[in-house]
Structures are given as structure tokens and as C-alpha cells.
Amino acid sequence: MASKSRTAAGLAAGVLMLLTWAHAASRPPAEARPSLRDVAFAREAGEVETAGTERCMLFHARFGGSRAQLVRVTRDGIRNYVVMDVGRRDPSMRSLRSRWLTATYGEAEHIWLGDFTSAEAALAAAAQLCPPARRCLPQESGCSRPADSSTSAQIFFGSTGMTGASGM
């Protein structure tokens, strides 16, 4: 009886291994598969190309840290590409950044475009999405810096001001 159960277990293991191998062989190699960041960036780049003459702005918010996130916020028909410096993965900092986005851009939808190893890399990606020909000039209608550019500390403590973040 033990012999039959070992044979059945061996056969099941063999079939499982064969199915696993077939699945792995049918998928492209890992280096050929784009990362989630690349997929989001490509989708965003495609949207920008089809958007025609849609105006855009770059904005850099500094929360401390060596990494950066790129977020798109469309406000008054203008796409704002916001690069946010981020530090360690702290849930309270995520909440703080989210509150800053809401305080600065209102209830506009915030679309995450990716994590980057540095603010410079995120700014380079944002510059590709918002080429100079489409960038708003501060004196253009609707293209001014957000009215309430409060710092993260001011938002945390409930006061407002115009320091801590810079438009580009």
C-alpha cells in the first residue's frame, strides 16, 4: 500500500514539475518583461503624445530622502508632474505627502507614475512627459504656481504658507 501512495505522490510531483516548466517556458524572460514603473511611464507617455497641445508644468516637492516619486495631477486642464522626494517607507510620511498634494492641488486625481532612485531621475522622466514646447509659463492663464504651496510641516501643524516647494 505504501508503494502505491509513493508512486502516486511521485507521479503528482512529476506532473506538477512538468506544468511548472511549461508555464515558465511560455513566458518571456524577466528582462523582456517591463516593470510596473515602465508600464505606467509608457502609458503616461502615450497619453501625452495623443494629448496634442495640452499644457503641463513640473513641480518638485522636497520631503527629505534620496528616492523620489513622480505623480501626475491634472488641475484646471493643466497636467502637473510633481516630483516628491521620499525617504524611508514610513506610513506617516505617505499620509503627509498625500495631505500635501490635496492641500496644494485640491481634490484633483493624483496618478502615481513611478518610484525613482533619485529626484534627478524622476525630474528627467517628468521632463520627457512634459517637454519644453508644452510647458506653461508662469504668466500664462492658469499656469501659475499652486496658490497654497505649504510645506509638509505647515500642513502637519495646520498652518499655511508659501515655502518648501518649488515650481519649474
C-alpha atoms as a PDB file:
ATOM      1  CA  MET A   1       0.000   0.000   0.000  1.00  0.00           C
ATOM      2  CA  ALA A   2       2.825   2.402   0.844  1.00  0.00           C
ATOM      3  CA  SER A   3       4.378   1.664  -2.540  1.00  0.00           C
ATOM      4  CA  LYS A   4       1.216   2.764  -4.357  1.00  0.00           C
ATOM      5  CA  SER A   5       0.980   6.030  -2.404  1.00  0.00           C
ATOM      6  CA  ARG A   6       4.672   6.782  -3.112  1.00  0.00           C
ATOM      7  CA  THR A   7       4.102   6.105  -6.792  1.00  0.00           C
ATOM      8  CA  ALA A   8       1.044   8.373  -6.849  1.00  0.00           C
ATOM      9  CA  ALA A   9       2.929  11.114  -4.979  1.00  0.00           C
ATOM     10  CA  GLY A  10       5.881  10.801  -7.367  1.00  0.00           C
ATOM     11  CA  LEU A  11       3.589  10.936 -10.373  1.00  0.00           C
ATOM     12  CA  ALA A  12       1.789  14.018  -8.983  1.00  0.00           C
ATOM     13  CA  ALA A  13       5.114  15.731  -8.302  1.00  0.00           C
ATOM     14  CA  GLY A  14       6.301  14.934 -11.840  1.00  0.00           C
ATOM     15  CA  VAL A  15       3.123  16.322 -13.401  1.00  0.00           C
ATOM     16  CA  LEU A  16       3.412  19.457 -11.240  1.00  0.00           C
ATOM     17  CA  MET A  17       7.026  19.952 -12.295  1.00  0.00           C
ATOM     18  CA  LEU A  18       6.094  19.451 -15.959  1.00  0.00           C
ATOM     19  CA  LEU A  19       3.289  22.031 -15.699  1.00  0.00           C
ATOM     20  CA  THR A  20       5.603  24.480 -13.924  1.00  0.00           C
ATOM     21  CA  TRP A  21       8.237  24.066 -16.627  1.00  0.00           C
ATOM     22  CA  ALA A  22       5.647  24.542 -19.405  1.00  0.00           C
ATOM     23  CA  HIS A  23       4.375  27.731 -17.763  1.00  0.00           C
ATOM     24  CA  ALA A  24       7.888  29.114 -17.318  1.00  0.00           C
ATOM     25  CA  ALA A  25       8.829  28.262 -20.904  1.00  0.00           C
ATOM     26  CA  SER A  26       5.761  30.057 -22.258  1.00  0.00           C
ATOM     27  CA  ARG A  27       6.603  33.371 -20.506  1.00  0.00           C
ATOM     28  CA  PRO A  28       9.151  35.820 -21.902  1.00  0.00           C
ATOM     29  CA  PRO A  29      12.406  36.168 -19.951  1.00  0.00           C
ATOM     30  CA  ALA A  30      12.317  38.539 -16.962  1.00  0.00           C
ATOM     31  CA  GLU A  31      14.497  41.112 -18.718  1.00  0.00           C
ATOM     32  CA  ALA A  32      11.976  41.262 -21.587  1.00  0.00           C
ATOM     33  CA  ARG A  33       9.053  41.990 -19.242  1.00  0.00           C
ATOM     34  CA  PRO A  34       8.643  45.679 -18.362  1.00  0.00           C
ATOM     35  CA  SER A  35       8.490  46.689 -14.732  1.00  0.00           C
ATOM     36  CA  LEU A  36       5.324  48.215 -13.280  1.00  0.00           C
ATOM     37  CA  ARG A  37       7.047  51.602 -13.333  1.00  0.00           C
ATOM     38  CA  ASP A  38       7.917  51.183 -17.024  1.00  0.00           C
ATOM     39  CA  VAL A  39       4.339  50.190 -17.864  1.00  0.00           C
ATOM     40  CA  ALA A  40       2.918  53.228 -16.034  1.00  0.00           C
ATOM     41  CA  PHE A  41       5.508  55.531 -17.608  1.00  0.00           C
ATOM     42  CA  ALA A  42       4.838  54.173 -21.132  1.00  0.00           C
ATOM     43  CA  ARG A  43       1.087  54.564 -20.647  1.00  0.00           C
ATOM     44  CA  GLU A  44       1.581  58.149 -19.463  1.00  0.00           C
ATOM     45  CA  ALA A  45       3.959  58.933 -22.334  1.00  0.00           C
ATOM     46  CA  GLY A  46       1.380  57.597 -24.795  1.00  0.00           C
ATOM     47  CA  GLU A  47      -1.311  59.775 -23.248  1.00  0.00           C
ATOM     48  CA  VAL A  48       0.953  62.824 -23.532  1.00  0.00           C
ATOM     49  CA  GLU A  49       1.681  62.127 -27.213  1.00  0.00           C
ATOM     50  CA  THR A  50      -2.020  61.881 -28.030  1.00  0.00           C
ATOM     51  CA  ALA A  51      -2.929  64.889 -25.894  1.00  0.00           C
ATOM     52  CA  GLY A  52      -1.910  67.377 -28.597  1.00  0.00           C
ATOM     53  CA  THR A  53      -1.131  70.799 -27.215  1.00  0.00           C
ATOM     54  CA  GLU A  54      -2.149  70.139 -23.631  1.00  0.00           C
ATOM     55  CA  ARG A  55      -0.163  72.383 -21.303  1.00  0.00           C
ATOM     56  CA  CYS A  56       1.877  70.991 -18.437  1.00  0.00           C
ATOM     57  CA  MET A  57       4.070  72.035 -15.520  1.00  0.00           C
ATOM     58  CA  LEU A  58       6.854  70.467 -13.486  1.00  0.00           C
ATOM     59  CA  PHE A  59       6.943  70.785  -9.730  1.00  0.00           C
ATOM     60  CA  HIS A  60       9.437  69.492  -7.162  1.00  0.00           C
ATOM     61  CA  ALA A  61       8.332  68.962  -3.559  1.00  0.00           C
ATOM     62  CA  ARG A  62      11.028  68.171  -1.044  1.00  0.00           C
ATOM     63  CA  PHE A  63      10.115  65.908   1.857  1.00  0.00           C
ATOM     64  CA  GLY A  64      13.661  64.700   2.516  1.00  0.00           C
ATOM     65  CA  GLY A  65      15.152  61.459   1.362  1.00  0.00           C
ATOM     66  CA  SER A  66      17.213  60.189  -1.500  1.00  0.00           C
ATOM     67  CA  ARG A  67      14.452  58.470  -3.506  1.00  0.00           C
ATOM     68  CA  ALA A  68      11.627  60.177  -5.398  1.00  0.00           C
ATOM     69  CA  GLN A  69       8.120  59.526  -6.637  1.00  0.00           C
ATOM     70  CA  LEU A  70       6.513  61.002  -9.726  1.00  0.00           C
ATOM     71  CA  VAL A  71       2.821  61.886  -9.556  1.00  0.00           C
ATOM     72  CA  ARG A  72       0.571  63.498 -12.158  1.00  0.00           C
ATOM     73  CA  VAL A  73      -2.178  65.846 -11.019  1.00  0.00           C
ATOM     74  CA  THR A  74      -4.429  67.461 -13.618  1.00  0.00           C
ATOM     75  CA  ARG A  75      -5.736  70.776 -12.363  1.00  0.00           C
ATOM     76  CA  ASP A  76      -7.709  73.292 -14.432  1.00  0.00           C
ATOM     77  CA  GLY A  77      -6.841  71.334 -17.597  1.00  0.00           C
ATOM     78  CA  ILE A  78      -3.091  71.547 -16.951  1.00  0.00           C
ATOM     79  CA  ARG A  79      -1.069  68.448 -16.177  1.00  0.00           C
ATOM     80  CA  ASN A  80       1.196  68.975 -13.191  1.00  0.00           C
ATOM     81  CA  TYR A  81       4.049  66.484 -12.913  1.00  0.00           C
ATOM     82  CA  VAL A  82       5.056  66.504  -9.267  1.00  0.00           C
ATOM     83  CA  VAL A  83       8.358  65.005  -8.168  1.00  0.00           C
ATOM     84  CA  MET A  84       8.307  64.289  -4.438  1.00  0.00           C
ATOM     85  CA  ASP A  85      11.466  63.430  -2.553  1.00  0.00           C
ATOM     86  CA  VAL A  86      10.771  60.476  -0.291  1.00  0.00           C
ATOM     87  CA  GLY A  87      12.750  58.853   2.465  1.00  0.00           C
ATOM     88  CA  ARG A  88      12.221  55.607   4.259  1.00  0.00           C
ATOM     89  CA  ARG A  89       8.934  53.760   3.908  1.00  0.00           C
ATOM     90  CA  ASP A  90       7.100  55.396   6.751  1.00  0.00           C
ATOM     91  CA  PRO A  91       3.271  55.274   6.688  1.00  0.00           C
ATOM     92  CA  SER A  92       3.032  58.676   8.371  1.00  0.00           C
ATOM     93  CA  MET A  93       5.171  60.243   5.613  1.00  0.00           C
ATOM     94  CA  ARG A  94       2.933  58.702   2.934  1.00  0.00           C
ATOM     95  CA  SER A  95      -0.049  60.298   4.650  1.00  0.00           C
ATOM     96  CA  LEU A  96       1.781  63.611   4.920  1.00  0.00           C
ATOM     97  CA  ARG A  97       2.622  63.612   1.201  1.00  0.00           C
ATOM     98  CA  SER A  98      -0.974  62.753   0.338  1.00  0.00           C
ATOM     99  CA  ARG A  99      -2.255  65.592   2.531  1.00  0.00           C
ATOM    100  CA  TRP A 100       0.245  67.972   0.918  1.00  0.00           C
ATOM    101  CA  LEU A 101      -0.983  67.004  -2.569  1.00  0.00           C
ATOM    102  CA  THR A 102      -4.590  67.557  -1.505  1.00  0.00           C
ATOM    103  CA  ALA A 103      -3.770  70.885   0.176  1.00  0.00           C
ATOM    104  CA  THR A 104      -1.806  72.087  -2.853  1.00  0.00           C
ATOM    105  CA  TYR A 105      -3.903  70.740  -5.730  1.00  0.00           C
ATOM    106  CA  GLY A 106      -7.315  70.273  -4.141  1.00  0.00           C
ATOM    107  CA  GLU A 107      -9.374  67.184  -4.810  1.00  0.00           C
ATOM    108  CA  ALA A 108      -7.847  66.585  -8.265  1.00  0.00           C
ATOM    109  CA  GLU A 109      -6.980  62.965  -9.001  1.00  0.00           C
ATOM    110  CA  HIS A 110      -3.394  62.034  -8.114  1.00  0.00           C
ATOM    111  CA  ILE A 111      -1.946  59.443 -10.507  1.00  0.00           C
ATOM    112  CA  TRP A 112       1.229  57.667  -9.386  1.00  0.00           C
ATOM    113  CA  LEU A 113       3.689  57.261 -12.270  1.00  0.00           C
ATOM    114  CA  GLY A 114       6.582  55.562 -10.517  1.00  0.00           C
ATOM    115  CA  ASP A 115       9.317  55.393  -7.915  1.00  0.00           C
ATOM    116  CA  PHE A 116      12.812  56.541  -8.810  1.00  0.00           C
ATOM    117  CA  THR A 117      16.216  56.165  -7.217  1.00  0.00           C
ATOM    118  CA  SER A 118      16.746  59.930  -7.162  1.00  0.00           C
ATOM    119  CA  ALA A 119      14.940  63.207  -7.680  1.00  0.00           C
ATOM    120  CA  GLU A 120      17.108  63.832 -10.744  1.00  0.00           C
ATOM    121  CA  ALA A 121      15.889  60.600 -12.371  1.00  0.00           C
ATOM    122  CA  ALA A 122      12.270  61.490 -11.581  1.00  0.00           C
ATOM    123  CA  LEU A 123      12.743  65.006 -12.955  1.00  0.00           C
ATOM    124  CA  ALA A 124      14.258  63.575 -16.149  1.00  0.00           C
ATOM    125  CA  ALA A 125      11.221  61.313 -16.555  1.00  0.00           C
ATOM    126  CA  ALA A 126       8.883  64.242 -15.866  1.00  0.00           C
ATOM    127  CA  ALA A 127      10.762  66.350 -18.430  1.00  0.00           C
ATOM    128  CA  GLN A 128      10.121  63.659 -21.054  1.00  0.00           C
ATOM    129  CA  LEU A 129       6.415  63.673 -20.206  1.00  0.00           C
ATOM    130  CA  CYS A 130       6.264  67.473 -20.203  1.00  0.00           C
ATOM    131  CA  PRO A 131       8.568  68.654 -22.999  1.00  0.00           C
ATOM    132  CA  PRO A 132       9.593  72.330 -23.080  1.00  0.00           C
ATOM    133  CA  ALA A 133       7.262  73.111 -26.003  1.00  0.00           C
ATOM    134  CA  ARG A 134       4.222  72.197 -23.872  1.00  0.00           C
ATOM    135  CA  ARG A 135       5.336  73.735 -20.580  1.00  0.00           C
ATOM    136  CA  CYS A 136       3.370  76.589 -19.124  1.00  0.00           C
ATOM    137  CA  LEU A 137       4.982  79.889 -18.456  1.00  0.00           C
ATOM    138  CA  PRO A 138       4.102  81.411 -15.064  1.00  0.00           C
ATOM    139  CA  GLN A 139       2.446  84.447 -16.665  1.00  0.00           C
ATOM    140  CA  GLU A 140       0.056  82.292 -18.771  1.00  0.00           C
ATOM    141  CA  SER A 141      -3.539  81.975 -17.650  1.00  0.00           C
ATOM    142  CA  GLY A 142      -3.918  79.060 -15.228  1.00  0.00           C
ATOM    143  CA  CYS A 143      -0.210  78.309 -15.287  1.00  0.00           C
ATOM    144  CA  SER A 144       0.819  79.916 -12.042  1.00  0.00           C
ATOM    145  CA  ARG A 145       2.334  78.060  -9.170  1.00  0.00           C
ATOM    146  CA  PRO A 146      -0.266  76.489  -6.859  1.00  0.00           C
ATOM    147  CA  ALA A 147      -1.734  79.193  -4.622  1.00  0.00           C
ATOM    148  CA  ASP A 148      -1.061  77.324  -1.394  1.00  0.00           C
ATOM    149  CA  SER A 149       2.359  75.705  -1.533  1.00  0.00           C
ATOM    150  CA  SER A 150       2.576  74.845   2.118  1.00  0.00           C
ATOM    151  CA  THR A 151       5.478  72.869   3.476  1.00  0.00           C
ATOM    152  CA  SER A 152       4.916  69.432   4.902  1.00  0.00           C
ATOM    153  CA  ALA A 153       5.448  70.802   8.428  1.00  0.00           C
ATOM    154  CA  GLN A 154       2.902  73.562   7.896  1.00  0.00           C
ATOM    155  CA  ILE A 155       0.321  71.031   6.704  1.00  0.00           C
ATOM    156  CA  PHE A 156       1.128  68.731   9.621  1.00  0.00           C
ATOM    157  CA  PHE A 157       0.688  71.529  12.164  1.00  0.00           C
ATOM    158  CA  GLY A 158      -2.282  73.056  10.329  1.00  0.00           C
ATOM    159  CA  SER A 159      -0.753  76.370   9.222  1.00  0.00           C
ATOM    160  CA  THR A 160      -0.231  77.566   5.643  1.00  0.00           C
ATOM    161  CA  GLY A 161       2.435  79.412   3.737  1.00  0.00           C
ATOM    162  CA  MET A 162       4.406  79.615   0.511  1.00  0.00           C
ATOM    163  CA  THR A 163       7.724  77.899   1.238  1.00  0.00           C
ATOM    164  CA  GLY A 164       9.294  74.479   0.890  1.00  0.00           C
ATOM    165  CA  ALA A 165       8.329  73.529  -2.652  1.00  0.00           C
ATOM    166  CA  SER A 166       9.463  74.869  -5.963  1.00  0.00           C
ATOM    167  CA  GLY A 167       7.888  75.112  -9.395  1.00  0.00           C
ATOM    168  CA  MET A 168       9.846  74.549 -12.533  1.00  0.00           C
END
